[in-house]
Amino acid sequence: MTPRSICLHGPESTGKSTIAPQLAKHFDTPCVAEFGRTYCEAFGTDLTMADLVEIGKGHDAKTRAALARGRFPVILDTDPLMSAVWGLMMFGRRDPWFDTWHNTADLYLLYDIDLPWVEDGTRLFGTAAERQRFFDLSRAELERRGVRWALVSGTGHARYLATLAAIERSSRD
């Protein structure tokens, strides 16, 4: 059974924002764009923990609206779990709000750091060590929350095909 919601999760510059609309087109379903990017483009990247909570709440509201339309799977370009990881990356902690949030996706796809990091004006953590830490924290958050997830690797079109294969495998489980 295909999940109702699929969240693309992981560090910056791993292909989530490229693949999300492709998946929505493939399934002919809604795509909830990365709310944090829109927020940072409007207000800058000098974020506080309160900003991360607002990003999480904004993303959650957009996700709930997309789910209410009843066309599945809704594709999510990150969600509040990723905002919690940002809190860990930026401040070494997560706001308690993130632990009270329970509208998790049915499937998380964790994108590997096997693509080159690309500066785009909103990204912050581009060194190899920062990317590895971000990836490790992203995986740890999925495991801590006990959600269903799969790792996606590969470059170019193979990454997209690996995404589809992960979704197909999850649908059989």
Protein backbone atom coordinates (compact mmCIF):
# COMPACT_ATOMS: atom_id res chain seq x y z
CA MET A 1 0.00 0.00 0.00
CA THR A 2 1.42 3.39 -1.01
CA PRO A 3 1.99 5.69 1.98
CA ARG A 4 -0.31 8.70 2.45
CA SER A 5 2.72 10.94 2.99
CA ILE A 6 6.36 10.66 1.97
CA CYS A 7 8.91 13.03 3.47
CA LEU A 8 12.28 13.74 1.88
CA HIS A 9 14.68 14.11 4.79
CA GLY A 10 18.38 14.88 5.14
CA PRO A 11 21.07 17.52 4.96
CA GLU A 12 21.32 20.42 2.58
CA SER A 13 22.29 19.88 -1.04
CA THR A 14 21.23 16.25 -1.29
CA GLY A 15 18.58 16.59 -4.01
CA LYS A 16 15.39 16.77 -1.95
CA SER A 17 14.04 19.95 -3.56
CA THR A 18 14.81 18.61 -7.04
CA ILE A 19 13.24 15.20 -6.51
CA ALA A 20 10.14 16.29 -4.55
CA PRO A 21 8.31 17.91 -7.50
CA GLN A 22 9.35 15.02 -9.76
CA LEU A 23 7.70 12.58 -7.35
CA ALA A 24 4.57 14.70 -7.13
CA LYS A 25 4.36 14.71 -10.92
CA HIS A 26 4.99 10.95 -11.06
CA PHE A 27 2.18 10.23 -8.58
CA ASP A 28 0.00 13.19 -9.72
CA THR A 29 -0.26 14.34 -6.11
CA PRO A 30 0.50 17.48 -4.09
CA CYS A 31 4.01 18.51 -3.14
CA VAL A 32 4.62 20.59 -0.02
CA ALA A 33 7.69 22.70 -0.75
CA GLU A 34 10.39 23.25 1.84
CA PHE A 35 8.89 25.91 4.11
CA GLY A 36 12.26 26.73 5.68
CA ARG A 37 13.72 27.85 2.36
CA THR A 38 10.81 30.24 1.77
CA TYR A 39 11.17 31.52 5.32
CA CYS A 40 14.94 32.08 4.96
CA GLU A 41 14.55 33.79 1.59
CA ALA A 42 12.10 36.22 3.25
CA PHE A 43 13.81 36.72 6.63
CA GLY A 44 17.45 35.62 6.17
CA THR A 45 19.43 32.71 7.55
CA ASP A 46 20.33 34.25 10.93
CA LEU A 47 17.76 32.01 12.59
CA THR A 48 16.77 31.67 16.22
CA MET A 49 15.22 28.60 17.84
CA ALA A 50 11.89 30.45 17.73
CA ASP A 51 12.32 30.79 13.95
CA LEU A 52 12.86 27.04 13.65
CA VAL A 53 9.65 26.40 15.60
CA GLU A 54 7.77 28.81 13.30
CA ILE A 55 9.22 26.99 10.28
CA GLY A 56 8.10 23.66 11.76
CA LYS A 57 4.60 24.97 12.46
CA GLY A 58 4.33 26.53 9.01
CA HIS A 59 5.38 23.32 7.32
CA ASP A 60 2.97 21.31 9.44
CA ALA A 61 0.06 23.61 8.49
CA LYS A 62 0.87 23.24 4.78
CA THR A 63 1.15 19.46 5.16
CA ARG A 64 -2.21 19.18 6.93
CA ALA A 65 -3.85 21.25 4.17
CA ALA A 66 -2.33 19.03 1.47
CA LEU A 67 -3.42 15.84 3.25
CA ALA A 68 -6.97 17.22 3.57
CA ARG A 69 -7.20 17.32 -0.25
CA GLY A 70 -7.19 13.51 -0.21
CA ARG A 71 -4.73 12.89 -3.05
CA PHE A 72 -1.99 10.55 -1.91
CA PRO A 73 0.88 10.23 -1.45
CA VAL A 74 1.53 13.83 -0.45
CA ILE A 75 5.20 14.55 -1.09
CA LEU A 76 6.93 16.61 1.61
CA ASP A 77 10.19 18.44 0.97
CA THR A 78 11.22 18.07 4.64
CA ASP A 79 9.05 18.54 7.72
CA PRO A 80 9.37 19.56 11.41
CA LEU A 81 11.69 16.61 12.13
CA MET A 82 14.19 18.28 9.81
CA SER A 83 13.67 21.60 11.61
CA ALA A 84 14.50 19.80 14.86
CA VAL A 85 17.74 18.59 13.28
CA TRP A 86 18.49 22.17 12.26
CA GLY A 87 18.12 23.10 15.93
CA LEU A 88 20.71 20.47 16.82
CA MET A 89 23.05 21.68 14.07
CA MET A 90 22.75 25.36 14.95
CA PHE A 91 22.24 25.37 18.72
CA GLY A 92 23.09 21.88 19.95
CA ARG A 93 19.50 21.29 21.10
CA ARG A 94 15.92 21.05 19.90
CA ASP A 95 13.02 23.10 21.17
CA PRO A 96 10.53 21.06 23.27
CA TRP A 97 7.83 21.85 20.67
CA PHE A 98 9.42 19.36 18.27
CA ASP A 99 8.95 16.52 20.76
CA THR A 100 5.25 17.35 21.08
CA TRP A 101 4.74 17.31 17.31
CA HIS A 102 3.38 13.94 16.12
CA ASN A 103 2.12 14.49 12.54
CA THR A 104 4.99 12.43 11.13
CA ALA A 105 5.00 11.12 7.58
CA ASP A 106 4.23 7.51 6.75
CA LEU A 107 7.63 7.13 5.07
CA TYR A 108 10.85 9.11 5.32
CA LEU A 109 13.49 8.98 2.62
CA LEU A 110 16.90 9.92 4.02
CA TYR A 111 19.11 11.36 1.28
CA ASP A 112 22.78 10.49 1.44
CA ILE A 113 25.54 13.12 1.23
CA ASP A 114 27.00 11.54 -1.90
CA LEU A 115 26.21 14.61 -4.05
CA PRO A 116 28.48 17.67 -4.14
CA TRP A 117 27.48 20.53 -1.86
CA VAL A 118 26.29 23.59 -3.80
CA GLU A 119 26.12 27.08 -2.29
CA ASP A 120 22.76 28.70 -3.08
CA GLY A 121 22.58 31.60 -0.64
CA THR A 122 20.56 29.80 2.03
CA ARG A 123 22.80 26.81 2.81
CA LEU A 124 25.13 26.91 5.79
CA PHE A 125 26.92 23.60 6.40
CA GLY A 126 29.14 22.74 3.43
CA THR A 127 32.31 21.23 4.84
CA ALA A 128 32.72 17.46 4.73
CA ALA A 129 32.66 17.28 8.54
CA GLU A 130 29.53 19.46 8.81
CA ARG A 131 27.74 17.46 6.13
CA GLN A 132 28.57 14.18 7.89
CA ARG A 133 27.36 15.56 11.24
CA PHE A 134 24.15 16.83 9.61
CA PHE A 135 23.58 13.43 7.99
CA ASP A 136 24.25 11.56 11.25
CA LEU A 137 21.87 13.84 13.18
CA SER A 138 19.22 13.42 10.46
CA ARG A 139 19.43 9.63 10.69
CA ALA A 140 19.47 9.72 14.49
CA GLU A 141 16.29 11.82 14.55
CA LEU A 142 14.47 9.27 12.38
CA GLU A 143 15.65 6.43 14.60
CA ARG A 144 14.82 8.35 17.81
CA ARG A 145 11.28 8.97 16.61
CA GLY A 146 10.83 5.37 15.43
CA VAL A 147 9.45 6.31 12.01
CA ARG A 148 9.67 4.16 8.89
CA TRP A 149 12.55 5.27 6.69
CA ALA A 150 14.86 4.24 3.87
CA LEU A 151 18.24 5.52 2.70
CA VAL A 152 18.51 6.92 -0.83
CA SER A 153 21.87 7.24 -2.60
CA GLY A 154 23.12 7.67 -6.15
CA THR A 155 23.72 10.48 -8.59
CA GLY A 156 21.74 11.90 -11.45
CA HIS A 157 18.72 9.96 -12.67
CA ALA A 158 19.83 6.94 -10.63
CA ARG A 159 18.99 8.89 -7.47
CA TYR A 160 15.43 9.44 -8.67
CA LEU A 161 15.12 5.76 -9.60
CA ALA A 162 16.48 4.79 -6.17
CA THR A 163 13.78 7.01 -4.63
CA LEU A 164 11.04 5.25 -6.58
CA ALA A 165 12.49 1.86 -5.64
CA ALA A 166 12.51 2.80 -1.94
CA ILE A 167 8.86 3.85 -2.15
CA GLU A 168 7.97 0.62 -3.96
CA ARG A 169 9.76 -1.49 -1.31
CA SER A 170 7.94 0.35 1.47
CA SER A 171 4.61 -0.26 -0.25
CA ARG A 172 5.24 -4.03 -0.10
CA ASP A 173 6.15 -4.01 3.61
